[in-house]
Amino acid sequence: MLQLLVEKLNQLLSARGMITDIVLRSDRSLLEDEEMREVMISFAGTFEEEQPVATIHLFLLEDEKSCEVEVEIAYPYELAAEQIQALWAQARSRVAECSLSEKRRYIEPGKLAETSVQVDYHFVVQTPQSAAEEADLNETLERFAADLGELVKLG
C-alpha cells in the first residue's frame, strides 16, 4: 500500500510543485512485537528560500490494507495576527477539516528567535479491491494533490 501511494503521489504532486525528499522509516518496538512503517514526503511549490513546505506522512495501519495520510504545511516566516487568520480562512476554504498551530521559539525572555505557522490535516485511504475502489482512490489522491498544490502557495 505504501509503495502504491508513493508512486501515485509522486506522479500527481510533480505536476503541482516539486518533491524535495522521500524518506522511509521503520520503527520496531523493543517492548512489544510490533513494527511501524512510515514514508515521509517533502513537497514545495518552488525551490525558493523561506517558502511553505509540506511534509506528507504515510502511516501503514495495522491491517496493512489501509494507510493514514497526514500532511503538515509549515509557513516559516513571521505573519501578523490578521495574516494568520486570513491564511487559515484560505486553507479552510480548500480543506474544511484542517487545523492551524503557531509556534514561537524564544532564546531568552522577550527575545523571539523563530516563529512559524503550520496547517495540518489527515485522512485514511484503503487498498483498492476493485476497479471502482481504485477510481475512488485516484479521485481522492487527485483532489489531495490539487489542494496541497494550492496550500503551499498560500501566505
N, C-alpha and C. Protein backbone atom coordinates (compact mmCIF):
# COMPACT_ATOMS: atom_id res chain seq x y z
N MET A 1 0.83 -1.20 0.00
CA MET A 1 0.00 0.00 0.00
C MET A 1 0.87 1.26 0.00
N LEU A 2 1.95 1.26 0.80
CA LEU A 2 2.81 2.44 0.85
C LEU A 2 3.43 2.72 -0.51
N GLN A 3 3.91 1.67 -1.17
CA GLN A 3 4.54 1.84 -2.48
C GLN A 3 3.54 2.40 -3.49
N LEU A 4 2.32 1.89 -3.47
CA LEU A 4 1.28 2.36 -4.38
C LEU A 4 1.03 3.84 -4.16
N LEU A 5 0.90 4.26 -2.91
CA LEU A 5 0.65 5.67 -2.60
C LEU A 5 1.82 6.56 -3.01
N VAL A 6 3.03 6.12 -2.74
CA VAL A 6 4.20 6.91 -3.10
C VAL A 6 4.25 7.10 -4.62
N GLU A 7 3.99 6.06 -5.37
CA GLU A 7 4.03 6.15 -6.83
C GLU A 7 2.96 7.12 -7.34
N LYS A 8 1.74 6.98 -6.83
CA LYS A 8 0.65 7.84 -7.28
C LYS A 8 0.89 9.29 -6.86
N LEU A 9 1.32 9.52 -5.63
CA LEU A 9 1.57 10.88 -5.17
C LEU A 9 2.74 11.52 -5.90
N ASN A 10 3.77 10.73 -6.20
CA ASN A 10 4.91 11.25 -6.96
C ASN A 10 4.44 11.79 -8.30
N GLN A 11 3.61 11.05 -8.97
CA GLN A 11 3.09 11.45 -10.27
C GLN A 11 2.20 12.68 -10.14
N LEU A 12 1.28 12.68 -9.19
CA LEU A 12 0.31 13.77 -9.05
C LEU A 12 0.94 15.06 -8.53
N LEU A 13 1.84 14.95 -7.56
CA LEU A 13 2.45 16.14 -6.97
C LEU A 13 3.48 16.78 -7.90
N SER A 14 4.14 15.99 -8.71
CA SER A 14 5.16 16.53 -9.61
C SER A 14 4.57 17.54 -10.59
N ALA A 15 3.30 17.43 -10.88
CA ALA A 15 2.64 18.37 -11.78
C ALA A 15 2.28 19.68 -11.08
N ARG A 16 2.39 19.72 -9.73
CA ARG A 16 1.95 20.90 -8.97
C ARG A 16 3.07 21.56 -8.16
N GLY A 17 4.26 21.05 -8.27
CA GLY A 17 5.38 21.56 -7.50
C GLY A 17 6.51 20.56 -7.59
N MET A 18 7.29 20.46 -6.50
CA MET A 18 8.40 19.52 -6.53
C MET A 18 8.53 18.75 -5.22
N ILE A 19 8.79 17.48 -5.37
CA ILE A 19 9.08 16.64 -4.22
C ILE A 19 10.56 16.81 -3.94
N THR A 20 10.89 17.25 -2.73
CA THR A 20 12.29 17.52 -2.40
C THR A 20 12.95 16.38 -1.64
N ASP A 21 12.14 15.47 -1.07
CA ASP A 21 12.73 14.36 -0.32
C ASP A 21 11.68 13.28 -0.07
N ILE A 22 12.10 12.03 -0.07
CA ILE A 22 11.25 10.90 0.31
C ILE A 22 12.06 10.04 1.27
N VAL A 23 11.50 9.78 2.46
CA VAL A 23 12.20 9.00 3.49
C VAL A 23 11.30 7.86 3.94
N LEU A 24 11.84 6.66 4.00
CA LEU A 24 11.14 5.51 4.55
C LEU A 24 11.67 5.26 5.95
N ARG A 25 10.77 5.21 6.93
CA ARG A 25 11.17 4.94 8.32
C ARG A 25 10.49 3.67 8.78
N SER A 26 11.23 2.90 9.53
CA SER A 26 10.69 1.68 10.12
C SER A 26 11.15 1.64 11.57
N ASP A 27 10.19 1.59 12.48
CA ASP A 27 10.49 1.54 13.91
C ASP A 27 9.94 0.25 14.50
N ARG A 28 10.79 -0.48 15.22
CA ARG A 28 10.35 -1.70 15.89
C ARG A 28 10.39 -1.46 17.38
N SER A 29 9.30 -1.78 18.04
CA SER A 29 9.21 -1.63 19.49
C SER A 29 10.04 -2.71 20.18
N LEU A 30 10.79 -2.31 21.18
CA LEU A 30 11.57 -3.28 21.95
C LEU A 30 10.71 -3.99 22.99
N LEU A 31 9.61 -3.35 23.38
CA LEU A 31 8.75 -3.94 24.41
C LEU A 31 7.64 -4.80 23.83
N GLU A 32 7.15 -4.42 22.68
CA GLU A 32 6.06 -5.17 22.05
C GLU A 32 6.53 -5.66 20.70
N ASP A 33 5.94 -6.72 20.22
CA ASP A 33 6.34 -7.26 18.93
C ASP A 33 5.55 -6.57 17.82
N GLU A 34 5.87 -5.30 17.59
CA GLU A 34 5.20 -4.57 16.52
C GLU A 34 6.20 -3.66 15.82
N GLU A 35 5.88 -3.38 14.58
CA GLU A 35 6.73 -2.53 13.77
C GLU A 35 5.85 -1.46 13.13
N MET A 36 6.32 -0.23 13.12
CA MET A 36 5.60 0.85 12.48
C MET A 36 6.38 1.29 11.25
N ARG A 37 5.72 1.36 10.12
CA ARG A 37 6.36 1.82 8.90
C ARG A 37 5.71 3.13 8.47
N GLU A 38 6.56 4.04 8.01
CA GLU A 38 6.11 5.37 7.62
C GLU A 38 6.95 5.85 6.45
N VAL A 39 6.31 6.55 5.53
CA VAL A 39 7.01 7.24 4.46
C VAL A 39 6.74 8.73 4.67
N MET A 40 7.81 9.53 4.59
CA MET A 40 7.67 10.98 4.70
C MET A 40 8.10 11.58 3.36
N ILE A 41 7.21 12.39 2.80
CA ILE A 41 7.47 13.06 1.53
C ILE A 41 7.47 14.56 1.78
N SER A 42 8.56 15.23 1.39
CA SER A 42 8.63 16.68 1.49
C SER A 42 8.26 17.27 0.13
N PHE A 43 7.40 18.27 0.16
CA PHE A 43 6.86 18.85 -1.07
C PHE A 43 6.84 20.37 -0.97
N ALA A 44 7.27 21.04 -2.02
CA ALA A 44 7.26 22.51 -2.06
C ALA A 44 6.80 22.97 -3.43
N GLY A 45 6.31 24.21 -3.48
CA GLY A 45 5.87 24.78 -4.75
C GLY A 45 7.04 25.14 -5.66
N THR A 46 8.14 25.63 -5.05
CA THR A 46 9.33 26.03 -5.80
C THR A 46 10.57 25.78 -4.94
N PHE A 47 11.73 26.07 -5.49
CA PHE A 47 12.99 25.91 -4.76
C PHE A 47 13.36 27.14 -3.94
N GLU A 48 12.54 28.16 -3.94
CA GLU A 48 12.86 29.41 -3.26
C GLU A 48 13.02 29.21 -1.75
N GLU A 49 13.87 30.07 -1.15
CA GLU A 49 14.04 30.06 0.31
C GLU A 49 12.79 30.65 0.97
N GLU A 50 12.60 30.34 2.23
CA GLU A 50 11.51 30.92 3.02
C GLU A 50 10.16 30.75 2.33
N GLN A 51 9.86 29.56 1.94
CA GLN A 51 8.57 29.27 1.31
C GLN A 51 7.87 28.17 2.09
N PRO A 52 6.55 28.05 1.95
CA PRO A 52 5.85 26.96 2.62
C PRO A 52 6.34 25.60 2.11
N VAL A 53 6.50 24.67 3.05
CA VAL A 53 6.92 23.31 2.72
C VAL A 53 5.95 22.34 3.39
N ALA A 54 5.50 21.37 2.63
CA ALA A 54 4.58 20.37 3.16
C ALA A 54 5.36 19.09 3.45
N THR A 55 5.04 18.47 4.57
CA THR A 55 5.55 17.14 4.89
C THR A 55 4.36 16.21 4.93
N ILE A 56 4.38 15.21 4.06
CA ILE A 56 3.29 14.24 3.98
C ILE A 56 3.78 12.97 4.67
N HIS A 57 3.03 12.53 5.67
CA HIS A 57 3.36 11.30 6.39
C HIS A 57 2.37 10.24 5.95
N LEU A 58 2.88 9.11 5.50
CA LEU A 58 2.05 7.96 5.13
C LEU A 58 2.31 6.86 6.15
N PHE A 59 1.31 6.56 6.97
CA PHE A 59 1.44 5.54 8.01
C PHE A 59 0.64 4.32 7.61
N LEU A 60 1.30 3.18 7.47
CA LEU A 60 0.61 1.93 7.21
C LEU A 60 -0.09 1.50 8.49
N LEU A 61 -1.39 1.26 8.43
CA LEU A 61 -2.15 0.88 9.62
C LEU A 61 -2.03 -0.62 9.86
N GLU A 62 -2.47 -1.05 11.03
CA GLU A 62 -2.28 -2.43 11.47
C GLU A 62 -2.79 -3.48 10.50
N ASP A 63 -3.92 -3.21 9.85
CA ASP A 63 -4.48 -4.21 8.94
C ASP A 63 -3.68 -4.32 7.63
N GLU A 64 -2.73 -3.41 7.41
CA GLU A 64 -1.87 -3.35 6.23
C GLU A 64 -2.66 -3.22 4.93
N LYS A 65 -3.96 -2.91 5.04
CA LYS A 65 -4.78 -2.68 3.86
C LYS A 65 -5.23 -1.22 3.80
N SER A 66 -4.87 -0.46 4.81
CA SER A 66 -5.23 0.95 4.83
C SER A 66 -4.04 1.77 5.30
N CYS A 67 -4.10 3.04 4.97
CA CYS A 67 -2.98 3.92 5.25
C CYS A 67 -3.53 5.29 5.66
N GLU A 68 -2.93 5.84 6.71
CA GLU A 68 -3.29 7.20 7.12
C GLU A 68 -2.36 8.16 6.40
N VAL A 69 -2.96 9.18 5.81
CA VAL A 69 -2.22 10.24 5.14
C VAL A 69 -2.35 11.49 6.01
N GLU A 70 -1.24 11.96 6.51
CA GLU A 70 -1.23 13.16 7.35
C GLU A 70 -0.31 14.18 6.69
N VAL A 71 -0.77 15.40 6.56
CA VAL A 71 0.04 16.43 5.92
C VAL A 71 0.17 17.63 6.85
N GLU A 72 1.39 18.17 6.91
CA GLU A 72 1.68 19.36 7.69
C GLU A 72 2.33 20.36 6.75
N ILE A 73 1.75 21.55 6.63
CA ILE A 73 2.32 22.59 5.78
C ILE A 73 2.87 23.67 6.70
N ALA A 74 4.18 23.88 6.66
CA ALA A 74 4.83 24.86 7.52
C ALA A 74 5.05 26.15 6.72
N TYR A 75 4.61 27.26 7.30
CA TYR A 75 4.82 28.59 6.74
C TYR A 75 5.89 29.25 7.59
N PRO A 76 7.16 29.20 7.16
CA PRO A 76 8.30 29.54 8.03
C PRO A 76 8.69 31.01 8.06
N TYR A 77 7.71 31.88 8.11
CA TYR A 77 8.02 33.29 8.20
C TYR A 77 7.02 33.94 9.13
N GLU A 78 7.37 35.11 9.58
CA GLU A 78 6.54 35.81 10.57
C GLU A 78 5.32 36.40 9.89
N LEU A 79 4.17 36.13 10.47
CA LEU A 79 2.91 36.65 9.96
C LEU A 79 2.21 37.41 11.09
N ALA A 80 1.57 38.50 10.75
CA ALA A 80 0.77 39.24 11.72
C ALA A 80 -0.50 38.44 12.01
N ALA A 81 -1.15 38.76 13.13
CA ALA A 81 -2.35 38.01 13.55
C ALA A 81 -3.43 38.00 12.46
N GLU A 82 -3.64 39.12 11.81
CA GLU A 82 -4.68 39.16 10.76
C GLU A 82 -4.26 38.36 9.54
N GLN A 83 -2.95 38.29 9.25
CA GLN A 83 -2.47 37.46 8.14
C GLN A 83 -2.65 35.97 8.47
N ILE A 84 -2.44 35.61 9.73
CA ILE A 84 -2.65 34.22 10.15
C ILE A 84 -4.11 33.84 10.00
N GLN A 85 -5.02 34.71 10.42
CA GLN A 85 -6.44 34.43 10.28
C GLN A 85 -6.84 34.30 8.81
N ALA A 86 -6.28 35.17 7.96
CA ALA A 86 -6.57 35.10 6.52
C ALA A 86 -6.03 33.81 5.92
N LEU A 87 -4.83 33.41 6.35
CA LEU A 87 -4.23 32.16 5.89
C LEU A 87 -5.12 30.98 6.25
N TRP A 88 -5.59 30.95 7.51
CA TRP A 88 -6.44 29.86 7.95
C TRP A 88 -7.76 29.84 7.19
N ALA A 89 -8.34 31.01 6.95
CA ALA A 89 -9.60 31.07 6.19
C ALA A 89 -9.39 30.53 4.78
N GLN A 90 -8.27 30.90 4.15
CA GLN A 90 -7.98 30.40 2.80
C GLN A 90 -7.76 28.88 2.82
N ALA A 91 -7.02 28.41 3.82
CA ALA A 91 -6.75 26.97 3.92
C ALA A 91 -8.05 26.20 4.15
N ARG A 92 -8.91 26.73 5.02
CA ARG A 92 -10.19 26.05 5.30
C ARG A 92 -11.13 26.06 4.11
N SER A 93 -10.97 27.04 3.22
CA SER A 93 -11.81 27.04 2.02
C SER A 93 -11.41 25.89 1.08
N ARG A 94 -10.13 25.44 1.17
CA ARG A 94 -9.66 24.29 0.38
C ARG A 94 -9.93 22.98 1.09
N VAL A 95 -9.60 22.94 2.41
CA VAL A 95 -9.74 21.71 3.22
C VAL A 95 -10.44 22.11 4.52
N ALA A 96 -11.73 21.85 4.59
CA ALA A 96 -12.54 22.33 5.71
C ALA A 96 -12.08 21.78 7.07
N GLU A 97 -11.52 20.57 7.10
CA GLU A 97 -11.15 19.94 8.38
C GLU A 97 -9.71 20.19 8.81
N CYS A 98 -9.05 21.18 8.23
CA CYS A 98 -7.66 21.46 8.62
C CYS A 98 -7.60 22.24 9.93
N SER A 99 -6.47 22.15 10.58
CA SER A 99 -6.25 22.93 11.80
C SER A 99 -4.99 23.77 11.61
N LEU A 100 -4.84 24.79 12.45
CA LEU A 100 -3.71 25.69 12.36
C LEU A 100 -3.04 25.78 13.72
N SER A 101 -1.73 25.76 13.75
CA SER A 101 -0.99 25.96 15.00
C SER A 101 0.12 26.97 14.77
N GLU A 102 0.42 27.69 15.81
CA GLU A 102 1.50 28.67 15.77
C GLU A 102 2.60 28.21 16.71
N LYS A 103 3.84 28.46 16.31
CA LYS A 103 4.97 28.10 17.15
C LYS A 103 5.88 29.32 17.26
N ARG A 104 6.24 29.65 18.49
CA ARG A 104 7.18 30.73 18.73
C ARG A 104 8.28 30.18 19.62
N ARG A 105 9.51 30.41 19.22
CA ARG A 105 10.65 29.92 20.00
C ARG A 105 11.45 31.13 20.47
N TYR A 106 11.69 31.17 21.77
CA TYR A 106 12.44 32.26 22.38
C TYR A 106 13.79 31.74 22.86
N ILE A 107 14.84 32.55 22.71
CA ILE A 107 16.15 32.15 23.22
C ILE A 107 16.40 32.72 24.61
N GLU A 108 15.61 33.72 24.97
CA GLU A 108 15.61 34.27 26.32
C GLU A 108 14.31 35.06 26.46
N PRO A 109 13.89 35.36 27.68
CA PRO A 109 12.62 36.06 27.87
C PRO A 109 12.55 37.35 27.03
N GLY A 110 11.49 37.44 26.24
CA GLY A 110 11.27 38.62 25.43
C GLY A 110 12.05 38.67 24.13
N LYS A 111 12.91 37.70 23.86
CA LYS A 111 13.72 37.71 22.64
C LYS A 111 13.30 36.55 21.74
N LEU A 112 12.44 36.87 20.77
CA LEU A 112 11.91 35.89 19.84
C LEU A 112 12.98 35.47 18.84
N ALA A 113 13.23 34.17 18.72
CA ALA A 113 14.25 33.66 17.80
C ALA A 113 13.64 33.10 16.52
N GLU A 114 12.45 32.52 16.62
CA GLU A 114 11.85 31.86 15.47
C GLU A 114 10.34 31.83 15.64
N THR A 115 9.64 31.97 14.54
CA THR A 115 8.19 31.84 14.56
C THR A 115 7.75 31.10 13.30
N SER A 116 6.72 30.31 13.43
CA SER A 116 6.19 29.62 12.26
C SER A 116 4.72 29.31 12.49
N VAL A 117 4.04 29.10 11.40
CA VAL A 117 2.63 28.73 11.41
C VAL A 117 2.52 27.43 10.63
N GLN A 118 1.67 26.53 11.11
CA GLN A 118 1.52 25.23 10.46
C GLN A 118 0.04 24.91 10.28
N VAL A 119 -0.30 24.45 9.09
CA VAL A 119 -1.64 23.96 8.79
C VAL A 119 -1.52 22.45 8.61
N ASP A 120 -2.42 21.69 9.23
CA ASP A 120 -2.35 20.24 9.07
C ASP A 120 -3.74 19.62 8.98
N TYR A 121 -3.77 18.44 8.38
CA TYR A 121 -5.00 17.64 8.30
C TYR A 121 -4.61 16.21 7.94
N HIS A 122 -5.57 15.30 8.05
CA HIS A 122 -5.29 13.90 7.73
C HIS A 122 -6.54 13.20 7.25
N PHE A 123 -6.34 12.04 6.61
CA PHE A 123 -7.43 11.19 6.16
C PHE A 123 -6.88 9.78 5.98
N VAL A 124 -7.75 8.81 5.81
CA VAL A 124 -7.36 7.41 5.67
C VAL A 124 -7.82 6.91 4.30
N VAL A 125 -6.96 6.14 3.64
CA VAL A 125 -7.31 5.52 2.37
C VAL A 125 -7.15 4.00 2.50
N GLN A 126 -7.92 3.28 1.71
CA GLN A 126 -7.92 1.82 1.72
C GLN A 126 -7.28 1.29 0.45
N THR A 127 -6.67 0.11 0.53
CA THR A 127 -6.16 -0.56 -0.66
C THR A 127 -7.35 -0.92 -1.54
N PRO A 128 -7.31 -0.52 -2.81
CA PRO A 128 -8.45 -0.82 -3.67
C PRO A 128 -8.57 -2.31 -3.96
N GLN A 129 -9.81 -2.81 -3.89
CA GLN A 129 -10.08 -4.22 -4.16
C GLN A 129 -10.83 -4.42 -5.48
N SER A 130 -11.23 -3.30 -6.10
CA SER A 130 -11.96 -3.38 -7.37
C SER A 130 -11.62 -2.15 -8.21
N ALA A 131 -12.07 -2.15 -9.44
CA ALA A 131 -11.82 -1.01 -10.33
C ALA A 131 -12.52 0.24 -9.81
N ALA A 132 -13.71 0.08 -9.25
CA ALA A 132 -14.44 1.23 -8.70
C ALA A 132 -13.71 1.82 -7.50
N GLU A 133 -13.18 0.97 -6.63
CA GLU A 133 -12.42 1.45 -5.47
C GLU A 133 -11.13 2.13 -5.91
N GLU A 134 -10.50 1.61 -6.96
CA GLU A 134 -9.28 2.24 -7.47
C GLU A 134 -9.59 3.61 -8.05
N ALA A 135 -10.74 3.74 -8.73
CA ALA A 135 -11.15 5.03 -9.27
C ALA A 135 -11.40 6.02 -8.13
N ASP A 136 -12.02 5.55 -7.03
CA ASP A 136 -12.26 6.41 -5.85
C ASP A 136 -10.94 6.85 -5.23
N LEU A 137 -9.99 5.93 -5.11
CA LEU A 137 -8.68 6.27 -4.56
C LEU A 137 -7.98 7.30 -5.44
N ASN A 138 -8.01 7.10 -6.75
CA ASN A 138 -7.38 8.05 -7.67
C ASN A 138 -8.02 9.43 -7.55
N GLU A 139 -9.34 9.47 -7.44
CA GLU A 139 -10.04 10.75 -7.29
C GLU A 139 -9.65 11.44 -5.98
N THR A 140 -9.58 10.67 -4.90
CA THR A 140 -9.18 11.22 -3.59
C THR A 140 -7.76 11.79 -3.66
N LEU A 141 -6.84 11.04 -4.25
CA LEU A 141 -5.45 11.49 -4.34
C LEU A 141 -5.29 12.68 -5.28
N GLU A 142 -6.06 12.73 -6.36
CA GLU A 142 -6.01 13.88 -7.26
C GLU A 142 -6.50 15.14 -6.55
N ARG A 143 -7.59 15.02 -5.79
CA ARG A 143 -8.11 16.15 -5.02
C ARG A 143 -7.09 16.59 -3.96
N PHE A 144 -6.47 15.61 -3.29
CA PHE A 144 -5.44 15.90 -2.29
C PHE A 144 -4.28 16.66 -2.92
N ALA A 145 -3.78 16.20 -4.06
CA ALA A 145 -2.65 16.85 -4.73
C ALA A 145 -3.01 18.26 -5.17
N ALA A 146 -4.22 18.44 -5.69
CA ALA A 146 -4.66 19.78 -6.11
C ALA A 146 -4.74 20.72 -4.90
N ASP A 147 -5.34 20.24 -3.81
CA ASP A 147 -5.45 21.06 -2.59
C ASP A 147 -4.06 21.40 -2.05
N LEU A 148 -3.18 20.42 -1.98
CA LEU A 148 -1.85 20.64 -1.44
C LEU A 148 -1.05 21.61 -2.33
N GLY A 149 -1.20 21.48 -3.63
CA GLY A 149 -0.53 22.40 -4.56
C GLY A 149 -0.93 23.84 -4.30
N GLU A 150 -2.19 24.05 -3.94
CA GLU A 150 -2.67 25.40 -3.62
C GLU A 150 -2.23 25.84 -2.22
N LEU A 151 -2.27 24.93 -1.27
CA LEU A 151 -1.92 25.28 0.12
C LEU A 151 -0.46 25.71 0.26
N VAL A 152 0.46 25.13 -0.52
CA VAL A 152 1.87 25.55 -0.42
C VAL A 152 2.11 26.89 -1.10
N LYS A 153 1.12 27.43 -1.76
CA LYS A 153 1.25 28.74 -2.40
C LYS A 153 0.64 29.86 -1.55
N LEU A 154 -0.06 29.49 -0.48
CA LEU A 154 -0.68 30.50 0.38
C LEU A 154 0.36 31.19 1.23
N GLY A 155 -0.01 32.32 1.76
CA GLY A 155 0.87 33.00 2.70
C GLY A 155 1.18 34.33 2.22
